[in-house]
C-alpha atoms as a PDB file:
ATOM      1  CA  MET A   1     111.898  39.467 128.181  1.00  0.00           C
ATOM      2  CA  TYR A   2     114.987  41.468 126.466  1.00  0.00           C
ATOM      3  CA  ALA A   3     118.231  39.942 126.363  1.00  0.00           C
ATOM      4  CA  ALA A   4     120.692  43.014 128.593  1.00  0.00           C
ATOM      5  CA  GLU A   5     122.492  43.634 125.921  1.00  0.00           C
ATOM      6  CA  ALA A   6     120.064  44.694 123.418  1.00  0.00           C
ATOM      7  CA  LEU A   7     117.984  47.108 125.835  1.00  0.00           C
ATOM      8  CA  SER A   8     118.386  50.721 125.334  1.00  0.00           C
ATOM      9  CA  LEU A   9     117.320  53.178 128.200  1.00  0.00           C
ATOM     10  CA  LEU A  10     115.762  56.802 128.137  1.00  0.00           C
ATOM     11  CA  LEU A  11     115.974  58.099 131.688  1.00  0.00           C
ATOM     12  CA  PHE A  12     114.442  61.523 131.465  1.00  0.00           C
ATOM     13  CA  VAL A  13     114.522  63.850 134.558  1.00  0.00           C
ATOM     14  CA  ARG A  14     114.332  67.136 135.190  1.00  0.00           C
ATOM     15  CA  GLY A  15     116.665  69.296 136.282  1.00  0.00           C
ATOM     16  CA  ASN A  16     118.974  68.364 139.020  1.00  0.00           C
ATOM     17  CA  GLY A  17     117.010  68.217 141.865  1.00  0.00           C
ATOM     18  CA  ALA A  18     116.922  65.037 145.168  1.00  0.00           C
ATOM     19  CA  ARG A  19     114.248  63.603 143.030  1.00  0.00           C
ATOM     20  CA  SER A  20     116.490  63.663 139.501  1.00  0.00           C
ATOM     21  CA  MET A  21     119.843  62.415 141.443  1.00  0.00           C
ATOM     22  CA  ASP A  22     117.988  59.920 142.804  1.00  0.00           C
ATOM     23  CA  ALA A  23     117.089  58.491 139.829  1.00  0.00           C
ATOM     24  CA  ILE A  24     119.727  58.901 137.912  1.00  0.00           C
ATOM     25  CA  ARG A  25     121.891  56.948 140.423  1.00  0.00           C
ATOM     26  CA  ALA A  26     119.275  54.226 141.043  1.00  0.00           C
ATOM     27  CA  VAL A  27     118.935  53.363 137.050  1.00  0.00           C
ATOM     28  CA  ARG A  28     122.774  53.185 137.170  1.00  0.00           C
ATOM     29  CA  HIS A  29     123.296  51.422 140.034  1.00  0.00           C
ATOM     30  CA  ALA A  30     120.280  49.204 138.122  1.00  0.00           C
ATOM     31  CA  CYS A  31     122.412  48.952 134.819  1.00  0.00           C
ATOM     32  CA  ASP A  32     126.013  48.425 136.283  1.00  0.00           C
ATOM     33  CA  THR A  33     124.110  45.205 138.071  1.00  0.00           C
ATOM     34  CA  THR A  34     122.343  43.649 135.343  1.00  0.00           C
ATOM     35  CA  SER A  35     124.136  40.311 133.802  1.00  0.00           C
ATOM     36  CA  GLY A  36     124.838  39.629 130.629  1.00  0.00           C
ATOM     37  CA  GLY A  37     125.651  42.868 129.495  1.00  0.00           C
ATOM     38  CA  ARG A  38     125.274  46.659 130.166  1.00  0.00           C
ATOM     39  CA  PRO A  39     122.345  48.748 129.097  1.00  0.00           C
ATOM     40  CA  SER A  40     122.806  51.485 127.472  1.00  0.00           C
ATOM     41  CA  LEU A  41     121.164  54.719 129.164  1.00  0.00           C
ATOM     42  CA  LYS A  42     120.907  58.003 128.273  1.00  0.00           C
ATOM     43  CA  ILE A  43     119.951  60.988 130.349  1.00  0.00           C
ATOM     44  CA  ILE A  44     117.130  63.399 129.188  1.00  0.00           C
ATOM     45  CA  ASP A  45     116.351  66.387 131.259  1.00  0.00           C
ATOM     46  CA  VAL A  46     113.278  67.638 130.041  1.00  0.00           C
ATOM     47  CA  PHE A  47     113.717  71.357 130.471  1.00  0.00           C
ATOM     48  CA  ALA A  48     117.086  71.288 127.956  1.00  0.00           C
ATOM     49  CA  GLN A  49     115.254  68.771 125.462  1.00  0.00           C
ATOM     50  CA  PRO A  50     111.444  69.065 125.499  1.00  0.00           C
ATOM     51  CA  GLU A  51     111.341  68.228 121.735  1.00  0.00           C
ATOM     52  CA  LEU A  52     112.390  64.795 123.803  1.00  0.00           C
ATOM     53  CA  ALA A  53     109.788  64.314 126.128  1.00  0.00           C
ATOM     54  CA  GLU A  54     107.236  65.291 123.591  1.00  0.00           C
ATOM     55  CA  LYS A  55     108.580  62.884 121.202  1.00  0.00           C
ATOM     56  CA  TYR A  56     107.977  60.147 123.705  1.00  0.00           C
ATOM     57  CA  ARG A  57     105.037  61.261 125.470  1.00  0.00           C
ATOM     58  CA  VAL A  58     106.676  61.708 128.328  1.00  0.00           C
ATOM     59  CA  VAL A  59     104.837  63.683 131.092  1.00  0.00           C
ATOM     60  CA  ALA A  60     105.640  62.888 134.516  1.00  0.00           C
ATOM     61  CA  THR A  61     109.106  62.708 135.481  1.00  0.00           C
ATOM     62  CA  PRO A  62     111.353  60.367 136.615  1.00  0.00           C
ATOM     63  CA  THR A  63     110.250  58.289 133.726  1.00  0.00           C
ATOM     64  CA  LEU A  64     112.536  54.780 132.469  1.00  0.00           C
ATOM     65  CA  LEU A  65     111.582  54.038 129.042  1.00  0.00           C
ATOM     66  CA  THR A  66     113.158  51.062 127.539  1.00  0.00           C
ATOM     67  CA  LEU A  67     113.596  50.244 124.379  1.00  0.00           C
ATOM     68  CA  GLY A  68     114.082  47.450 122.460  1.00  0.00           C
ATOM     69  CA  GLY A  69     112.030  43.803 121.289  1.00  0.00           C
ATOM     70  CA  SER A  70     108.933  44.923 120.278  1.00  0.00           C
ATOM     71  CA  SER A  71     107.912  47.270 122.190  1.00  0.00           C
ATOM     72  CA  GLU A  72     108.719  49.788 124.887  1.00  0.00           C
ATOM     73  CA  ARG A  73     108.109  49.586 128.406  1.00  0.00           C
ATOM     74  CA  ARG A  74     108.256  52.802 130.713  1.00  0.00           C
ATOM     75  CA  ILE A  75     108.183  53.178 134.913  1.00  0.00           C
ATOM     76  CA  VAL A  76     107.328  56.401 136.185  1.00  0.00           C
ATOM     77  CA  GLY A  77     107.717  57.959 139.571  1.00  0.00           C
ATOM     78  CA  ASN A  78     110.177  56.017 142.376  1.00  0.00           C
ATOM     79  CA  MET A  79     112.437  54.069 140.675  1.00  0.00           C
ATOM     80  CA  THR A  80     112.664  51.016 143.081  1.00  0.00           C
ATOM     81  CA  GLU A  81     115.354  48.239 143.126  1.00  0.00           C
ATOM     82  CA  GLN A  82     112.192  45.846 142.704  1.00  0.00           C
ATOM     83  CA  ALA A  83     110.721  48.270 140.389  1.00  0.00           C
ATOM     84  CA  LEU A  84     114.250  47.935 138.328  1.00  0.00           C
ATOM     85  CA  ARG A  85     114.753  44.673 138.906  1.00  0.00           C
ATOM     86  CA  HIS A  86     111.456  43.362 137.098  1.00  0.00           C
ATOM     87  CA  HIS A  87     111.665  46.205 134.675  1.00  0.00           C
ATOM     88  CA  LEU A  88     115.209  45.414 133.644  1.00  0.00           C
ATOM     89  CA  GLY A  89     114.842  41.015 133.820  1.00  0.00           C
ATOM     90  CA  ALA A  90     115.789  38.663 135.956  1.00  0.00           C
ATOM     91  CA  GLY A  91     119.512  39.325 134.988  1.00  0.00           C
ATOM     92  CA  TYR A  92     119.701  42.193 137.950  1.00  0.00           C
ATOM     93  CA  GLY A  93     121.878  41.843 140.344  1.00  0.00           C
ATOM     94  CA  HIS A  94     123.826  38.789 139.292  1.00  0.00           C
END
């Protein structure tokens, strides 16, 4: 598990539709409520920056990519509180 301060998050969305906005709100909330320091978050619109989607092999949105430690982890699709809690580690919500 990563220390929260070491996390770098990339959230890939498509435009500013409802699904993208829901994902952004959910991930921002998760970042705000993660103990041990707030992870850095960069939101990437795949329409505006398709080269980043290609670089990180993102084929569906929303996708949350976590960089840090020795590996990448990702969530694709619905950004549920439970999935984000698991993804960001046990410190979420404290």
